[in-house]
PDB file of all heavy atoms in Angstrom:
ATOM      1  N   HIS A   1      78.370 157.476 361.495  1.00  0.00           N
ATOM      2  CA  HIS A   1      79.700 157.445 360.803  1.00  0.00           C
ATOM      3  C   HIS A   1      80.450 158.768 361.034  1.00  0.00           C
ATOM      4  O   HIS A   1      81.673 158.767 360.953  1.00  0.00           O
ATOM      5  CB  HIS A   1      79.502 157.192 359.327  1.00  0.00           C
ATOM      6  CG  HIS A   1      79.005 155.780 359.075  1.00  0.00           C
ATOM      7  ND1 HIS A   1      79.849 154.638 359.055  1.00  0.00           N
ATOM      8  CD2 HIS A   1      77.724 155.273 358.975  1.00  0.00           C
ATOM      9  CE1 HIS A   1      79.103 153.559 358.909  1.00  0.00           C
ATOM     10  NE2 HIS A   1      77.819 153.921 358.858  1.00  0.00           N
ATOM     11  N   ALA A   2      79.695 159.796 361.438  1.00  0.00           N
ATOM     12  CA  ALA A   2      80.383 161.011 361.881  1.00  0.00           C
ATOM     13  C   ALA A   2      81.187 160.817 363.190  1.00  0.00           C
ATOM     14  O   ALA A   2      82.113 161.556 363.459  1.00  0.00           O
ATOM     15  CB  ALA A   2      79.399 162.137 362.051  1.00  0.00           C
ATOM     16  N   LEU A   3      80.789 159.776 363.983  1.00  0.00           N
ATOM     17  CA  LEU A   3      81.533 159.497 365.185  1.00  0.00           C
ATOM     18  C   LEU A   3      82.897 158.840 364.917  1.00  0.00           C
ATOM     19  O   LEU A   3      83.764 158.846 365.789  1.00  0.00           O
ATOM     20  CB  LEU A   3      80.694 158.514 366.049  1.00  0.00           C
ATOM     21  CG  LEU A   3      79.342 159.009 366.542  1.00  0.00           C
ATOM     22  CD1 LEU A   3      78.577 157.945 367.304  1.00  0.00           C
ATOM     23  CD2 LEU A   3      79.506 160.263 367.428  1.00  0.00           C
ATOM     24  N   ARG A   4      83.079 158.331 363.726  1.00  0.00           N
ATOM     25  CA  ARG A   4      84.340 157.779 363.330  1.00  0.00           C
ATOM     26  C   ARG A   4      84.649 158.260 361.878  1.00  0.00           C
ATOM     27  O   ARG A   4      84.503 157.547 360.935  1.00  0.00           O
ATOM     28  CB  ARG A   4      84.325 156.244 363.344  1.00  0.00           C
ATOM     29  CG  ARG A   4      85.698 155.589 363.258  1.00  0.00           C
ATOM     30  CD  ARG A   4      85.558 154.076 363.012  1.00  0.00           C
ATOM     31  NE  ARG A   4      86.794 153.384 363.215  1.00  0.00           N
ATOM     32  CZ  ARG A   4      86.989 152.141 362.821  1.00  0.00           C
ATOM     33  NH1 ARG A   4      86.012 151.486 362.196  1.00  0.00           N
ATOM     34  NH2 ARG A   4      88.140 151.538 363.039  1.00  0.00           N
ATOM     35  N   PRO A   5      85.043 159.498 361.716  1.00  0.00           N
ATOM     36  CA  PRO A   5      84.957 160.181 360.443  1.00  0.00           C
ATOM     37  C   PRO A   5      86.056 159.900 359.417  1.00  0.00           C
ATOM     38  O   PRO A   5      86.634 160.774 358.840  1.00  0.00           O
ATOM     39  CB  PRO A   5      84.951 161.677 360.818  1.00  0.00           C
ATOM     40  CG  PRO A   5      85.803 161.729 362.068  1.00  0.00           C
ATOM     41  CD  PRO A   5      85.480 160.433 362.802  1.00  0.00           C
ATOM     42  N   HIS A   6      86.334 158.609 359.217  1.00  0.00           N
ATOM     43  CA  HIS A   6      87.243 158.266 358.116  1.00  0.00           C
ATOM     44  C   HIS A   6      86.496 158.619 356.767  1.00  0.00           C
ATOM     45  O   HIS A   6      85.364 158.203 356.579  1.00  0.00           O
ATOM     46  CB  HIS A   6      87.559 156.788 358.133  1.00  0.00           C
ATOM     47  CG  HIS A   6      88.463 156.366 359.245  1.00  0.00           C
ATOM     48  ND1 HIS A   6      89.802 156.809 359.355  1.00  0.00           N
ATOM     49  CD2 HIS A   6      88.258 155.597 360.328  1.00  0.00           C
ATOM     50  CE1 HIS A   6      90.337 156.300 360.419  1.00  0.00           C
ATOM     51  NE2 HIS A   6      89.402 155.558 361.060  1.00  0.00           N
ATOM     52  N   PRO A   7      87.152 159.325 355.875  1.00  0.00           N
ATOM     53  CA  PRO A   7      86.461 159.752 354.666  1.00  0.00           C
ATOM     54  C   PRO A   7      85.944 158.599 353.822  1.00  0.00           C
ATOM     55  O   PRO A   7      84.798 158.659 353.274  1.00  0.00           O
ATOM     56  CB  PRO A   7      87.546 160.543 353.916  1.00  0.00           C
ATOM     57  CG  PRO A   7      88.455 161.052 355.001  1.00  0.00           C
ATOM     58  CD  PRO A   7      88.497 159.940 356.010  1.00  0.00           C
ATOM     59  N   GLY A   8      86.724 157.538 353.705  1.00  0.00           N
ATOM     60  CA  GLY A   8      86.309 156.388 352.919  1.00  0.00           C
ATOM     61  C   GLY A   8      85.108 155.723 353.484  1.00  0.00           C
ATOM     62  O   GLY A   8      84.181 155.294 352.764  1.00  0.00           O
ATOM     63  N   GLN A   9      85.097 155.528 354.796  1.00  0.00           N
ATOM     64  CA  GLN A   9      83.964 154.937 355.473  1.00  0.00           C
ATOM     65  C   GLN A   9      82.723 155.823 355.264  1.00  0.00           C
ATOM     66  O   GLN A   9      81.613 155.276 354.993  1.00  0.00           O
ATOM     67  CB  GLN A   9      84.273 154.797 356.982  1.00  0.00           C
ATOM     68  CG  GLN A   9      83.117 154.280 357.814  1.00  0.00           C
ATOM     69  CD  GLN A   9      83.508 154.174 359.311  1.00  0.00           C
ATOM     70  OE1 GLN A   9      84.644 153.803 359.632  1.00  0.00           O
ATOM     71  NE2 GLN A   9      82.538 154.447 360.148  1.00  0.00           N
ATOM     72  N   ARG A  10      82.868 157.086 355.377  1.00  0.00           N
ATOM     73  CA  ARG A  10      81.723 158.021 355.211  1.00  0.00           C
ATOM     74  C   ARG A  10      81.156 157.861 353.762  1.00  0.00           C
ATOM     75  O   ARG A  10      79.935 157.774 353.593  1.00  0.00           O
ATOM     76  CB  ARG A  10      82.209 159.459 355.382  1.00  0.00           C
ATOM     77  CG  ARG A  10      81.187 160.554 355.128  1.00  0.00           C
ATOM     78  CD  ARG A  10      81.862 161.876 354.788  1.00  0.00           C
ATOM     79  NE  ARG A  10      82.737 161.771 353.621  1.00  0.00           N
ATOM     80  CZ  ARG A  10      83.847 162.431 353.479  1.00  0.00           C
ATOM     81  NH1 ARG A  10      84.299 163.306 354.374  1.00  0.00           N
ATOM     82  NH2 ARG A  10      84.584 162.330 352.350  1.00  0.00           N
ATOM     83  N   ASP A  11      82.030 157.781 352.817  1.00  0.00           N
ATOM     84  CA  ASP A  11      81.575 157.675 351.409  1.00  0.00           C
ATOM     85  C   ASP A  11      80.851 156.342 351.155  1.00  0.00           C
ATOM     86  O   ASP A  11      79.816 156.311 350.442  1.00  0.00           O
ATOM     87  CB  ASP A  11      82.730 157.807 350.423  1.00  0.00           C
ATOM     88  CG  ASP A  11      83.331 159.198 350.425  1.00  0.00           C
ATOM     89  OD1 ASP A  11      82.642 160.151 350.977  1.00  0.00           O
ATOM     90  OD2 ASP A  11      84.420 159.423 349.874  1.00  0.00           O
ATOM     91  N   SER A  12      81.358 155.260 351.704  1.00  0.00           N
ATOM     92  CA  SER A  12      80.740 153.974 351.508  1.00  0.00           C
ATOM     93  C   SER A  12      79.363 153.922 352.188  1.00  0.00           C
ATOM     94  O   SER A  12      78.373 153.400 351.621  1.00  0.00           O
ATOM     95  CB  SER A  12      81.621 152.845 352.021  1.00  0.00           C
ATOM     96  OG  SER A  12      82.678 152.571 351.087  1.00  0.00           O
ATOM     97  N   ALA A  13      79.268 154.474 353.403  1.00  0.00           N
ATOM     98  CA  ALA A  13      77.991 154.498 354.105  1.00  0.00           C
ATOM     99  C   ALA A  13      76.991 155.330 353.354  1.00  0.00           C
ATOM    100  O   ALA A  13      75.816 154.993 353.256  1.00  0.00           O
ATOM    101  CB  ALA A  13      78.200 155.030 355.529  1.00  0.00           C
ATOM    102  N   THR A  14      77.448 156.448 352.810  1.00  0.00           N
ATOM    103  CA  THR A  14      76.558 157.317 351.995  1.00  0.00           C
ATOM    104  C   THR A  14      76.037 156.563 350.792  1.00  0.00           C
ATOM    105  O   THR A  14      74.860 156.598 350.444  1.00  0.00           O
ATOM    106  CB  THR A  14      77.272 158.560 351.555  1.00  0.00           C
ATOM    107  OG1 THR A  14      77.737 159.295 352.701  1.00  0.00           O
ATOM    108  CG2 THR A  14      76.418 159.474 350.701  1.00  0.00           C
ATOM    109  N   ASN A  15      76.947 155.856 350.108  1.00  0.00           N
ATOM    110  CA  ASN A  15      76.476 155.019 348.992  1.00  0.00           C
ATOM    111  C   ASN A  15      75.422 154.010 349.375  1.00  0.00           C
ATOM    112  O   ASN A  15      74.406 153.829 348.666  1.00  0.00           O
ATOM    113  CB  ASN A  15      77.694 154.296 348.379  1.00  0.00           C
ATOM    114  CG  ASN A  15      78.476 155.158 347.416  1.00  0.00           C
ATOM    115  OD1 ASN A  15      78.040 156.233 346.998  1.00  0.00           O
ATOM    116  ND2 ASN A  15      79.646 154.711 347.087  1.00  0.00           N
ATOM    117  N   MET A  16      75.642 153.337 350.484  1.00  0.00           N
ATOM    118  CA  MET A  16      74.727 152.250 350.898  1.00  0.00           C
ATOM    119  C   MET A  16      73.387 152.881 351.283  1.00  0.00           C
ATOM    120  O   MET A  16      72.325 152.304 350.987  1.00  0.00           O
ATOM    121  CB  MET A  16      75.373 151.432 351.996  1.00  0.00           C
ATOM    122  CG  MET A  16      76.535 150.622 351.500  1.00  0.00           C
ATOM    123  SD  MET A  16      77.271 149.528 352.680  1.00  0.00           S
ATOM    124  CE  MET A  16      75.939 148.321 352.799  1.00  0.00           C
ATOM    125  N   ARG A  17      73.387 154.029 351.955  1.00  0.00           N
ATOM    126  CA  ARG A  17      72.088 154.671 352.275  1.00  0.00           C
ATOM    127  C   ARG A  17      71.333 155.012 350.998  1.00  0.00           C
ATOM    128  O   ARG A  17      70.175 154.864 350.910  1.00  0.00           O
ATOM    129  CB  ARG A  17      72.326 155.919 353.089  1.00  0.00           C
ATOM    130  CG  ARG A  17      72.723 155.729 354.543  1.00  0.00           C
ATOM    131  CD  ARG A  17      72.551 156.979 355.378  1.00  0.00           C
ATOM    132  NE  ARG A  17      73.153 158.153 354.793  1.00  0.00           N
ATOM    133  CZ  ARG A  17      74.446 158.507 355.028  1.00  0.00           C
ATOM    134  NH1 ARG A  17      75.230 157.709 355.781  1.00  0.00           N
ATOM    135  NH2 ARG A  17      74.982 159.589 354.519  1.00  0.00           N
ATOM    136  N   ARG A  18      72.112 155.556 350.048  1.00  0.00           N
ATOM    137  CA  ARG A  18      71.533 155.981 348.761  1.00  0.00           C
ATOM    138  C   ARG A  18      70.935 154.783 348.023  1.00  0.00           C
ATOM    139  O   ARG A  18      69.815 154.890 347.489  1.00  0.00           O
ATOM    140  CB  ARG A  18      72.589 156.667 347.960  1.00  0.00           C
ATOM    141  CG  ARG A  18      72.111 157.354 346.684  1.00  0.00           C
ATOM    142  CD  ARG A  18      73.239 158.175 346.068  1.00  0.00           C
ATOM    143  NE  ARG A  18      73.646 159.219 346.974  1.00  0.00           N
ATOM    144  CZ  ARG A  18      74.863 159.708 347.072  1.00  0.00           C
ATOM    145  NH1 ARG A  18      75.844 159.193 346.273  1.00  0.00           N
ATOM    146  NH2 ARG A  18      75.168 160.703 347.881  1.00  0.00           N
ATOM    147  N   VAL A  19      71.639 153.645 348.000  1.00  0.00           N
ATOM    148  CA  VAL A  19      71.159 152.489 347.265  1.00  0.00           C
ATOM    149  C   VAL A  19      69.892 151.939 347.910  1.00  0.00           C
ATOM    150  O   VAL A  19      68.986 151.481 347.279  1.00  0.00           O
ATOM    151  CB  VAL A  19      72.290 151.411 347.226  1.00  0.00           C
ATOM    152  CG1 VAL A  19      71.716 150.070 346.668  1.00  0.00           C
ATOM    153  CG2 VAL A  19      73.447 151.917 346.315  1.00  0.00           C
ATOM    154  N   LEU A  20      69.790 151.971 349.262  1.00  0.00           N
ATOM    155  CA  LEU A  20      68.720 151.370 349.996  1.00  0.00           C
ATOM    156  C   LEU A  20      67.529 152.326 350.196  1.00  0.00           C
ATOM    157  O   LEU A  20      66.489 151.885 350.681  1.00  0.00           O
ATOM    158  CB  LEU A  20      69.190 150.856 351.366  1.00  0.00           C
ATOM    159  CG  LEU A  20      70.126 149.680 351.290  1.00  0.00           C
ATOM    160  CD1 LEU A  20      70.772 149.437 352.691  1.00  0.00           C
ATOM    161  CD2 LEU A  20      69.411 148.429 350.849  1.00  0.00           C
ATOM    162  N   ALA A  21      67.659 153.524 349.777  1.00  0.00           N
ATOM    163  CA  ALA A  21      66.561 154.535 349.962  1.00  0.00           C
ATOM    164  C   ALA A  21      65.316 154.049 349.235  1.00  0.00           C
ATOM    165  O   ALA A  21      65.309 153.600 348.116  1.00  0.00           O
ATOM    166  CB  ALA A  21      66.973 155.899 349.411  1.00  0.00           C
ATOM    167  N   ASP A  22      64.196 154.171 349.982  1.00  0.00           N
ATOM    168  CA  ASP A  22      62.881 153.858 349.473  1.00  0.00           C
ATOM    169  C   ASP A  22      62.701 152.370 349.130  1.00  0.00           C
ATOM    170  O   ASP A  22      61.920 151.972 348.266  1.00  0.00           O
ATOM    171  CB  ASP A  22      62.529 154.695 348.227  1.00  0.00           C
ATOM    172  CG  ASP A  22      62.519 156.179 348.476  1.00  0.00           C
ATOM    173  OD1 ASP A  22      62.053 156.567 349.557  1.00  0.00           O
ATOM    174  OD2 ASP A  22      63.041 156.917 347.653  1.00  0.00           O
ATOM    175  N   SER A  23      63.397 151.514 349.893  1.00  0.00           N
ATOM    176  CA  SER A  23      63.275 150.078 349.747  1.00  0.00           C
ATOM    177  C   SER A  23      62.039 149.609 350.576  1.00  0.00           C
ATOM    178  O   SER A  23      62.057 149.818 351.770  1.00  0.00           O
ATOM    179  CB  SER A  23      64.535 149.352 350.174  1.00  0.00           C
ATOM    180  OG  SER A  23      64.265 147.966 350.368  1.00  0.00           O
ATOM    181  N   THR A  24      61.102 148.985 349.910  1.00  0.00           N
ATOM    182  CA  THR A  24      59.995 148.398 350.621  1.00  0.00           C
ATOM    183  C   THR A  24      60.406 147.303 351.555  1.00  0.00           C
ATOM    184  O   THR A  24      59.919 147.178 352.670  1.00  0.00           O
ATOM    185  CB  THR A  24      58.881 147.926 349.649  1.00  0.00           C
ATOM    186  OG1 THR A  24      58.472 149.015 348.840  1.00  0.00           O
ATOM    187  CG2 THR A  24      57.695 147.318 350.372  1.00  0.00           C
ATOM    188  N   LEU A  25      61.326 146.466 351.082  1.00  0.00           N
ATOM    189  CA  LEU A  25      61.803 145.357 351.919  1.00  0.00           C
ATOM    190  C   LEU A  25      62.453 145.870 353.205  1.00  0.00           C
ATOM    191  O   LEU A  25      62.291 145.262 354.271  1.00  0.00           O
ATOM    192  CB  LEU A  25      62.787 144.499 351.116  1.00  0.00           C
ATOM    193  CG  LEU A  25      62.156 143.512 350.154  1.00  0.00           C
ATOM    194  CD1 LEU A  25      63.254 142.902 349.277  1.00  0.00           C
ATOM    195  CD2 LEU A  25      61.386 142.412 350.875  1.00  0.00           C
ATOM    196  N   ILE A  26      63.205 146.950 353.093  1.00  0.00           N
ATOM    197  CA  ILE A  26      63.765 147.513 354.303  1.00  0.00           C
ATOM    198  C   ILE A  26      62.761 148.144 355.204  1.00  0.00           C
ATOM    199  O   ILE A  26      62.740 147.939 356.415  1.00  0.00           O
ATOM    200  CB  ILE A  26      64.864 148.557 353.939  1.00  0.00           C
ATOM    201  CG1 ILE A  26      66.074 147.862 353.237  1.00  0.00           C
ATOM    202  CG2 ILE A  26      65.369 149.320 355.148  1.00  0.00           C
ATOM    203  CD1 ILE A  26      66.841 146.954 354.105  1.00  0.00           C
ATOM    204  N   SER A  27      61.841 148.874 354.643  1.00  0.00           N
ATOM    205  CA  SER A  27      60.827 149.536 355.474  1.00  0.00           C
ATOM    206  C   SER A  27      59.959 148.520 356.134  1.00  0.00           C
ATOM    207  O   SER A  27      59.426 148.750 357.279  1.00  0.00           O
ATOM    208  CB  SER A  27      59.969 150.503 354.621  1.00  0.00           C
ATOM    209  OG  SER A  27      59.242 149.797 353.620  1.00  0.00           O
ATOM    210  N   GLU A  28      59.708 147.376 355.521  1.00  0.00           N
ATOM    211  CA  GLU A  28      58.887 146.320 356.140  1.00  0.00           C
ATOM    212  C   GLU A  28      59.537 145.765 357.392  1.00  0.00           C
ATOM    213  O   GLU A  28      58.848 145.213 358.287  1.00  0.00           O
ATOM    214  CB  GLU A  28      58.599 145.198 355.167  1.00  0.00           C
ATOM    215  CG  GLU A  28      57.541 145.535 354.109  1.00  0.00           C
ATOM    216  CD  GLU A  28      57.299 144.399 353.135  1.00  0.00           C
ATOM    217  OE1 GLU A  28      58.091 143.414 353.164  1.00  0.00           O
ATOM    218  OE2 GLU A  28      56.342 144.467 352.376  1.00  0.00           O
ATOM    219  N   GLN A  29      60.853 145.892 357.449  1.00  0.00           N
ATOM    220  CA  GLN A  29      61.527 145.367 358.677  1.00  0.00           C
ATOM    221  C   GLN A  29      61.378 146.308 359.884  1.00  0.00           C
ATOM    222  O   GLN A  29      61.631 145.968 361.016  1.00  0.00           O
ATOM    223  CB  GLN A  29      63.071 145.159 358.396  1.00  0.00           C
ATOM    224  CG  GLN A  29      63.419 144.363 357.175  1.00  0.00           C
ATOM    225  CD  GLN A  29      62.573 143.073 357.096  1.00  0.00           C
ATOM    226  OE1 GLN A  29      62.606 142.306 358.023  1.00  0.00           O
ATOM    227  NE2 GLN A  29      61.892 142.864 356.016  1.00  0.00           N
ATOM    228  N   LYS A  30      60.915 147.496 359.566  1.00  0.00           N
ATOM    229  CA  LYS A  30      60.778 148.509 360.668  1.00  0.00           C
ATOM    230  C   LYS A  30      59.345 148.592 361.190  1.00  0.00           C
ATOM    231  O   LYS A  30      59.150 149.195 362.274  1.00  0.00           O
ATOM    232  CB  LYS A  30      61.210 149.893 360.100  1.00  0.00           C
ATOM    233  CG  LYS A  30      62.660 149.958 359.632  1.00  0.00           C
ATOM    234  CD  LYS A  30      62.982 151.242 359.009  1.00  0.00           C
ATOM    235  CE  LYS A  30      64.404 151.328 358.538  1.00  0.00           C
ATOM    236  NZ  LYS A  30      64.768 152.594 357.894  1.00  0.00           N
ATOM    237  N   SER A  31      58.449 148.017 360.501  1.00  0.00           N
ATOM    238  CA  SER A  31      57.046 148.049 360.962  1.00  0.00           C
ATOM    239  C   SER A  31      56.276 146.887 360.412  1.00  0.00           C
ATOM    240  O   SER A  31      56.641 146.275 359.386  1.00  0.00           O
ATOM    241  CB  SER A  31      56.387 149.339 360.603  1.00  0.00           C
ATOM    242  OG  SER A  31      56.334 149.490 359.182  1.00  0.00           O
ATOM    243  N   GLY A  32      55.157 146.566 360.946  1.00  0.00           N
ATOM    244  CA  GLY A  32      54.281 145.516 360.419  1.00  0.00           C
ATOM    245  C   GLY A  32      54.714 144.097 360.794  1.00  0.00           C
ATOM    246  O   GLY A  32      55.436 143.881 361.763  1.00  0.00           O
ATOM    247  N   ALA A  33      54.267 143.174 359.983  1.00  0.00           N
ATOM    248  CA  ALA A  33      54.433 141.770 360.311  1.00  0.00           C
ATOM    249  C   ALA A  33      55.881 141.315 360.286  1.00  0.00           C
ATOM    250  O   ALA A  33      56.223 140.247 360.873  1.00  0.00           O
ATOM    251  CB  ALA A  33      53.611 140.926 359.346  1.00  0.00           C
ATOM    252  N   HIS A  34      56.722 142.036 359.589  1.00  0.00           N
ATOM    253  CA  HIS A  34      58.095 141.566 359.445  1.00  0.00           C
ATOM    254  C   HIS A  34      59.083 142.436 360.193  1.00  0.00           C
ATOM    255  O   HIS A  34      60.237 142.656 359.777  1.00  0.00           O
ATOM    256  CB  HIS A  34      58.507 141.552 357.949  1.00  0.00           C
ATOM    257  CG  HIS A  34      57.617 140.712 357.112  1.00  0.00           C
ATOM    258  ND1 HIS A  34      57.593 139.335 357.180  1.00  0.00           N
ATOM    259  CD2 HIS A  34      56.692 141.044 356.194  1.00  0.00           C
ATOM    260  CE1 HIS A  34      56.727 138.841 356.311  1.00  0.00           C
ATOM    261  NE2 HIS A  34      56.146 139.874 355.708  1.00  0.00           N
ATOM    262  N   THR A  35      58.656 142.969 361.356  1.00  0.00           N
ATOM    263  CA  THR A  35      59.511 143.846 362.086  1.00  0.00           C
ATOM    264  C   THR A  35      60.858 143.205 362.389  1.00  0.00           C
ATOM    265  O   THR A  35      60.910 142.013 362.799  1.00  0.00           O
ATOM    266  CB  THR A  35      58.808 144.172 363.476  1.00  0.00           C
ATOM    267  OG1 THR A  35      57.555 144.796 363.164  1.00  0.00           O
ATOM    268  CG2 THR A  35      59.719 145.150 364.260  1.00  0.00           C
ATOM    269  N   PHE A  36      61.917 143.984 362.193  1.00  0.00           N
ATOM    270  CA  PHE A  36      63.287 143.521 362.415  1.00  0.00           C
ATOM    271  C   PHE A  36      63.495 143.118 363.860  1.00  0.00           C
ATOM    272  O   PHE A  36      63.280 143.913 364.751  1.00  0.00           O
ATOM    273  CB  PHE A  36      64.285 144.610 362.027  1.00  0.00           C
ATOM    274  CG  PHE A  36      65.738 144.184 362.061  1.00  0.00           C
ATOM    275  CD1 PHE A  36      66.253 143.556 360.962  1.00  0.00           C
ATOM    276  CD2 PHE A  36      66.524 144.497 363.130  1.00  0.00           C
ATOM    277  CE1 PHE A  36      67.618 143.176 360.986  1.00  0.00           C
ATOM    278  CE2 PHE A  36      67.849 144.086 363.182  1.00  0.00           C
ATOM    279  CZ  PHE A  36      68.410 143.490 362.113  1.00  0.00           C
TER     280      PHE A  36
END
């Protein structure tokens, strides 16, 4: 998002990263049987 630094876009992306932090469902998509 720094590559397209609209302030509103940056804030929304930050919010979404914060909400999804430490999600087991998300981490399971990155490794194991449910790889994305």
